[in-house]
C-alpha atoms as a PDB file:
ATOM      1  CA  MET A   1     -18.248  -0.499  20.419  1.00  0.00           C
ATOM      2  CA  LYS A   2     -14.748  -1.907  20.198  1.00  0.00           C
ATOM      3  CA  HIS A   3     -12.252  -0.365  17.730  1.00  0.00           C
ATOM      4  CA  PRO A   4     -11.998  -2.676  14.685  1.00  0.00           C
ATOM      5  CA  ARG A   5      -8.186  -2.502  14.673  1.00  0.00           C
ATOM      6  CA  SER A   6      -7.684  -3.394  18.327  1.00  0.00           C
ATOM      7  CA  ILE A   7      -6.485  -6.838  19.332  1.00  0.00           C
ATOM      8  CA  ASP A   8      -6.871  -8.022  22.899  1.00  0.00           C
ATOM      9  CA  PRO A   9      -3.446  -9.498  23.777  1.00  0.00           C
ATOM     10  CA  GLU A  10      -5.106 -11.866  26.252  1.00  0.00           C
ATOM     11  CA  LYS A  11      -7.482 -13.325  23.667  1.00  0.00           C
ATOM     12  CA  LYS A  12      -6.345 -16.629  22.171  1.00  0.00           C
ATOM     13  CA  GLU A  13      -6.305 -16.843  18.409  1.00  0.00           C
ATOM     14  CA  THR A  14      -8.213 -20.088  17.950  1.00  0.00           C
ATOM     15  CA  GLY A  15     -10.576 -21.380  15.327  1.00  0.00           C
ATOM     16  CA  ALA A  16     -10.107 -22.313  11.692  1.00  0.00           C
ATOM     17  CA  TYR A  17      -9.325 -18.724  10.655  1.00  0.00           C
ATOM     18  CA  PHE A  18      -6.226 -18.417  12.858  1.00  0.00           C
ATOM     19  CA  VAL A  19      -5.165 -22.070  13.010  1.00  0.00           C
ATOM     20  CA  THR A  20      -5.690 -23.122   9.389  1.00  0.00           C
ATOM     21  CA  PHE A  21      -6.595 -20.424   6.866  1.00  0.00           C
ATOM     22  CA  LEU A  22      -4.307 -17.567   7.917  1.00  0.00           C
ATOM     23  CA  PRO A  23      -1.172 -19.748   8.234  1.00  0.00           C
ATOM     24  CA  ILE A  24      -1.621 -21.437   4.852  1.00  0.00           C
ATOM     25  CA  PHE A  25      -2.212 -18.084   3.152  1.00  0.00           C
ATOM     26  CA  LEU A  26       0.846 -16.514   4.794  1.00  0.00           C
ATOM     27  CA  ASP A  27       2.910 -19.582   3.789  1.00  0.00           C
ATOM     28  CA  TYR A  28       1.672 -19.160   0.220  1.00  0.00           C
ATOM     29  CA  LEU A  29       2.720 -15.492   0.231  1.00  0.00           C
ATOM     30  CA  THR A  30       6.133 -16.394   1.615  1.00  0.00           C
ATOM     31  CA  VAL A  31       6.975 -19.488  -0.411  1.00  0.00           C
ATOM     32  CA  GLU A  32       5.120 -19.148  -3.697  1.00  0.00           C
ATOM     33  CA  LYS A  33       4.797 -15.383  -4.067  1.00  0.00           C
ATOM     34  CA  GLY A  34       8.166 -14.634  -2.443  1.00  0.00           C
ATOM     35  CA  LEU A  35       6.950 -11.492  -0.696  1.00  0.00           C
ATOM     36  CA  ALA A  36       9.348  -9.549   1.514  1.00  0.00           C
ATOM     37  CA  LYS A  37       9.241  -9.945   5.307  1.00  0.00           C
ATOM     38  CA  ASN A  38       7.741  -6.468   5.753  1.00  0.00           C
ATOM     39  CA  SER A  39       4.966  -7.241   3.269  1.00  0.00           C
ATOM     40  CA  ILE A  40       4.197 -10.514   5.046  1.00  0.00           C
ATOM     41  CA  ALA A  41       4.144  -8.684   8.392  1.00  0.00           C
ATOM     42  CA  SER A  42       1.690  -6.103   6.999  1.00  0.00           C
ATOM     43  CA  TYR A  43      -0.566  -8.831   5.605  1.00  0.00           C
ATOM     44  CA  ARG A  44      -0.425 -10.673   8.940  1.00  0.00           C
ATOM     45  CA  ILE A  45      -1.417  -7.566  10.909  1.00  0.00           C
ATOM     46  CA  ASP A  46      -4.286  -6.622   8.596  1.00  0.00           C
ATOM     47  CA  LEU A  47      -5.576 -10.197   8.445  1.00  0.00           C
ATOM     48  CA  ARG A  48      -5.316 -10.687  12.213  1.00  0.00           C
ATOM     49  CA  HIS A  49      -7.400  -7.524  12.724  1.00  0.00           C
ATOM     50  CA  PHE A  50      -9.963  -8.865  10.290  1.00  0.00           C
ATOM     51  CA  GLY A  51      -9.955 -12.265  12.038  1.00  0.00           C
ATOM     52  CA  HIS A  52     -10.569 -10.640  15.418  1.00  0.00           C
ATOM     53  CA  TRP A  53     -13.376  -8.561  13.938  1.00  0.00           C
ATOM     54  CA  LEU A  54     -14.938 -11.733  12.505  1.00  0.00           C
ATOM     55  CA  ALA A  55     -14.656 -13.399  15.928  1.00  0.00           C
ATOM     56  CA  ASN A  56     -16.322 -10.391  17.585  1.00  0.00           C
ATOM     57  CA  GLN A  57     -19.126 -10.659  15.014  1.00  0.00           C
ATOM     58  CA  LYS A  58     -19.302 -14.426  15.678  1.00  0.00           C
ATOM     59  CA  LEU A  59     -18.733 -15.097  11.965  1.00  0.00           C
ATOM     60  CA  ASP A  60     -16.898 -18.094  10.528  1.00  0.00           C
ATOM     61  CA  LEU A  61     -14.814 -17.413   7.437  1.00  0.00           C
ATOM     62  CA  GLU A  62     -16.947 -19.849   5.416  1.00  0.00           C
ATOM     63  CA  LYS A  63     -20.064 -17.760   6.172  1.00  0.00           C
ATOM     64  CA  VAL A  64     -18.580 -14.355   5.242  1.00  0.00           C
ATOM     65  CA  GLU A  65     -20.514 -12.515   2.558  1.00  0.00           C
ATOM     66  CA  ARG A  66     -19.808  -9.316   0.674  1.00  0.00           C
ATOM     67  CA  VAL A  67     -22.007  -7.325   3.085  1.00  0.00           C
ATOM     68  CA  HIS A  68     -19.859  -8.393   6.057  1.00  0.00           C
ATOM     69  CA  ILE A  69     -16.690  -7.183   4.383  1.00  0.00           C
ATOM     70  CA  VAL A  70     -18.344  -3.868   3.515  1.00  0.00           C
ATOM     71  CA  ARG A  71     -19.399  -3.513   7.169  1.00  0.00           C
ATOM     72  CA  TYR A  72     -15.832  -4.207   8.285  1.00  0.00           C
ATOM     73  CA  PHE A  73     -14.483  -1.450   6.052  1.00  0.00           C
ATOM     74  CA  GLN A  74     -17.225   0.907   7.208  1.00  0.00           C
ATOM     75  CA  ALA A  75     -16.194   0.166  10.793  1.00  0.00           C
ATOM     76  CA  LEU A  76     -12.553   0.926   9.911  1.00  0.00           C
ATOM     77  CA  ARG A  77     -13.453   4.244   8.281  1.00  0.00           C
ATOM     78  CA  SER A  78     -15.790   5.179  11.167  1.00  0.00           C
ATOM     79  CA  ALA A  79     -12.930   4.507  13.578  1.00  0.00           C
ATOM     80  CA  GLY A  80     -10.768   7.010  11.690  1.00  0.00           C
ATOM     81  CA  VAL A  81      -8.585   4.559   9.746  1.00  0.00           C
ATOM     82  CA  SER A  82      -7.232   6.274   6.627  1.00  0.00           C
ATOM     83  CA  ALA A  83      -8.466   5.343   3.153  1.00  0.00           C
ATOM     84  CA  ARG A  84      -4.934   4.207   2.290  1.00  0.00           C
ATOM     85  CA  SER A  85      -4.870   1.781   5.258  1.00  0.00           C
ATOM     86  CA  VAL A  86      -8.345   0.519   4.357  1.00  0.00           C
ATOM     87  CA  ALA A  87      -7.175  -0.088   0.773  1.00  0.00           C
ATOM     88  CA  ARG A  88      -4.166  -2.034   2.075  1.00  0.00           C
ATOM     89  CA  ALA A  89      -6.426  -4.135   4.312  1.00  0.00           C
ATOM     90  CA  LEU A  90      -8.761  -4.772   1.376  1.00  0.00           C
ATOM     91  CA  ALA A  91      -5.822  -5.991  -0.723  1.00  0.00           C
ATOM     92  CA  ALA A  92      -4.833  -8.424   2.031  1.00  0.00           C
ATOM     93  CA  ILE A  93      -8.377  -9.685   2.587  1.00  0.00           C
ATOM     94  CA  ARG A  94      -9.101  -9.933  -1.143  1.00  0.00           C
ATOM     95  CA  GLY A  95      -5.860 -11.841  -1.681  1.00  0.00           C
ATOM     96  CA  MET A  96      -6.684 -14.312   1.063  1.00  0.00           C
ATOM     97  CA  PHE A  97     -10.231 -14.943  -0.178  1.00  0.00           C
ATOM     98  CA  ARG A  98      -9.030 -15.379  -3.779  1.00  0.00           C
ATOM     99  CA  PHE A  99      -6.381 -17.837  -2.648  1.00  0.00           C
ATOM    100  CA  LEU A 100      -8.758 -19.825  -0.431  1.00  0.00           C
ATOM    101  CA  ALA A 101     -11.405 -19.979  -3.171  1.00  0.00           C
ATOM    102  CA  ALA A 102      -8.845 -20.995  -5.820  1.00  0.00           C
ATOM    103  CA  GLU A 103      -7.522 -23.740  -3.524  1.00  0.00           C
ATOM    104  CA  ARG A 104     -11.121 -24.858  -2.848  1.00  0.00           C
ATOM    105  CA  HIS A 105     -10.961 -24.170   0.884  1.00  0.00           C
ATOM    106  CA  LEU A 106     -13.955 -21.877   0.348  1.00  0.00           C
ATOM    107  CA  LYS A 107     -16.873 -22.251  -2.050  1.00  0.00           C
ATOM    108  CA  SER A 108     -16.843 -18.638  -3.198  1.00  0.00           C
ATOM    109  CA  ASP A 109     -14.943 -15.377  -2.942  1.00  0.00           C
ATOM    110  CA  PRO A 110     -17.080 -12.648  -1.312  1.00  0.00           C
ATOM    111  CA  THR A 111     -14.579  -9.959  -2.381  1.00  0.00           C
ATOM    112  CA  GLU A 112     -15.014 -10.755  -6.080  1.00  0.00           C
ATOM    113  CA  ASN A 113     -16.785  -7.562  -7.161  1.00  0.00           C
ATOM    114  CA  LEU A 114     -15.724  -5.328  -4.300  1.00  0.00           C
ATOM    115  CA  GLU A 115     -14.439  -1.923  -5.419  1.00  0.00           C
ATOM    116  CA  ASN A 116     -11.321  -0.324  -4.005  1.00  0.00           C
ATOM    117  CA  PRO A 117     -11.912   2.752  -1.847  1.00  0.00           C
ATOM    118  CA  LYS A 118     -11.193   6.037  -3.576  1.00  0.00           C
ATOM    119  CA  LEU A 119      -7.854   7.450  -2.476  1.00  0.00           C
ATOM    120  CA  TRP A 120      -7.088  11.134  -2.364  1.00  0.00           C
ATOM    121  CA  THR A 121      -4.119  12.096  -4.442  1.00  0.00           C
ATOM    122  CA  THR A 122      -1.959  14.790  -2.954  1.00  0.00           C
ATOM    123  CA  LEU A 123      -0.405  17.490  -5.065  1.00  0.00           C
ATOM    124  CA  PRO A 124       3.311  18.151  -4.695  1.00  0.00           C
ATOM    125  CA  LYS A 125       4.244  21.200  -2.651  1.00  0.00           C
ATOM    126  CA  SER A 126       5.849  24.088  -4.550  1.00  0.00           C
ATOM    127  CA  LEU A 127       9.152  25.561  -3.527  1.00  0.00           C
ATOM    128  CA  LEU A 128       9.382  29.239  -2.623  1.00  0.00           C
ATOM    129  CA  THR A 129      11.427  31.521  -4.893  1.00  0.00           C
ATOM    130  CA  GLY A 130      14.202  31.789  -2.310  1.00  0.00           C
ATOM    131  CA  GLU A 131      14.345  27.991  -1.958  1.00  0.00           C
ATOM    132  CA  ILE A 132      14.655  27.566  -5.730  1.00  0.00           C
ATOM    133  CA  GLU A 133      17.431  30.158  -5.902  1.00  0.00           C
ATOM    134  CA  ALA A 134      19.293  28.470  -3.030  1.00  0.00           C
ATOM    135  CA  LEU A 135      18.932  25.062  -4.681  1.00  0.00           C
ATOM    136  CA  LEU A 136      20.237  26.338  -8.033  1.00  0.00           C
ATOM    137  CA  ALA A 137      23.146  28.119  -6.333  1.00  0.00           C
ATOM    138  CA  ALA A 138      24.179  25.047  -4.291  1.00  0.00           C
ATOM    139  CA  PRO A 139      26.416  23.237  -6.830  1.00  0.00           C
ATOM    140  CA  ASP A 140      30.034  24.393  -7.080  1.00  0.00           C
ATOM    141  CA  ARG A 141      30.223  25.658 -10.665  1.00  0.00           C
ATOM    142  CA  THR A 142      34.028  25.689 -10.626  1.00  0.00           C
ATOM    143  CA  THR A 143      34.107  21.878 -10.925  1.00  0.00           C
ATOM    144  CA  PRO A 144      32.840  19.629 -13.724  1.00  0.00           C
ATOM    145  CA  ASP A 145      30.550  17.781 -11.290  1.00  0.00           C
ATOM    146  CA  GLY A 146      29.164  21.082 -10.050  1.00  0.00           C
ATOM    147  CA  LEU A 147      28.460  22.260 -13.602  1.00  0.00           C
ATOM    148  CA  ARG A 148      26.706  18.970 -14.329  1.00  0.00           C
ATOM    149  CA  ASP A 149      24.627  19.210 -11.131  1.00  0.00           C
ATOM    150  CA  ARG A 150      23.659  22.818 -11.911  1.00  0.00           C
ATOM    151  CA  ALA A 151      22.621  21.841 -15.450  1.00  0.00           C
ATOM    152  CA  MET A 152      20.541  18.961 -14.077  1.00  0.00           C
ATOM    153  CA  LEU A 153      18.811  21.226 -11.552  1.00  0.00           C
ATOM    154  CA  GLU A 154      18.117  23.851 -14.235  1.00  0.00           C
ATOM    155  CA  LEU A 155      16.675  21.182 -16.523  1.00  0.00           C
ATOM    156  CA  LEU A 156      14.454  19.833 -13.729  1.00  0.00           C
ATOM    157  CA  TYR A 157      13.247  23.322 -12.847  1.00  0.00           C
ATOM    158  CA  ALA A 158      12.700  24.482 -16.433  1.00  0.00           C
ATOM    159  CA  THR A 159      10.938  21.383 -17.755  1.00  0.00           C
ATOM    160  CA  GLY A 160       9.190  19.726 -14.806  1.00  0.00           C
ATOM    161  CA  LEU A 161      10.899  16.418 -15.559  1.00  0.00           C
ATOM    162  CA  ARG A 162      10.840  13.741 -12.908  1.00  0.00           C
ATOM    163  CA  VAL A 163      14.217  12.654 -11.541  1.00  0.00           C
ATOM    164  CA  SER A 164      13.631   9.193 -13.038  1.00  0.00           C
ATOM    165  CA  GLU A 165      13.212  10.876 -16.452  1.00  0.00           C
ATOM    166  CA  LEU A 166      16.185  13.183 -15.943  1.00  0.00           C
ATOM    167  CA  ILE A 167      18.630  10.354 -15.321  1.00  0.00           C
ATOM    168  CA  ARG A 168      17.716   8.849 -18.698  1.00  0.00           C
ATOM    169  CA  VAL A 169      18.401  12.045 -20.667  1.00  0.00           C
ATOM    170  CA  ARG A 170      21.321  11.653 -23.097  1.00  0.00           C
ATOM    171  CA  ILE A 171      23.300  14.334 -24.895  1.00  0.00           C
ATOM    172  CA  ASP A 172      21.754  13.058 -28.165  1.00  0.00           C
ATOM    173  CA  ASP A 173      18.302  13.978 -26.768  1.00  0.00           C
ATOM    174  CA  LEU A 174      19.205  17.684 -26.657  1.00  0.00           C
ATOM    175  CA  VAL A 175      18.225  19.881 -29.570  1.00  0.00           C
ATOM    176  CA  MET A 176      20.782  22.674 -29.318  1.00  0.00           C
ATOM    177  CA  ASP A 177      19.442  24.865 -32.136  1.00  0.00           C
ATOM    178  CA  ALA A 178      15.844  24.968 -30.894  1.00  0.00           C
END
């Protein structure tokens, strides 16, 4: 069986999917949604893979049902594609079907009640004691900037604040007599 993310460079991209539907959706993302070039490129890649898979299954976009999309994602996972990449592909495919249904190019949206794949969340890695000590000792405490940097590192280490939270801390937020 052919890998679901492989595209034969010799195979022409013909048919309504590649000639009509994909271009108008990508134009919509570019013009109306204002997505960045990298986002558009990612959508294009994921949607081209899906289009080639549909062609290999001899399925027209108008005939796609929920079961076909589930099979596509099962094929991706069986081929070793990560859950994160599958979720990204689902977002692209769901977006295209929603757009095409809203614009009345398709009668229905087969992705309507499709759940997102469960993604593993990774825990942050802890620093070793020696790494923490080296980090805290790095700022030059003989300068005002060094004292500030040391205080910021100590606050991060002692409280578990995120950097985004740390940069919003004001002197007024400190309770000195606690």
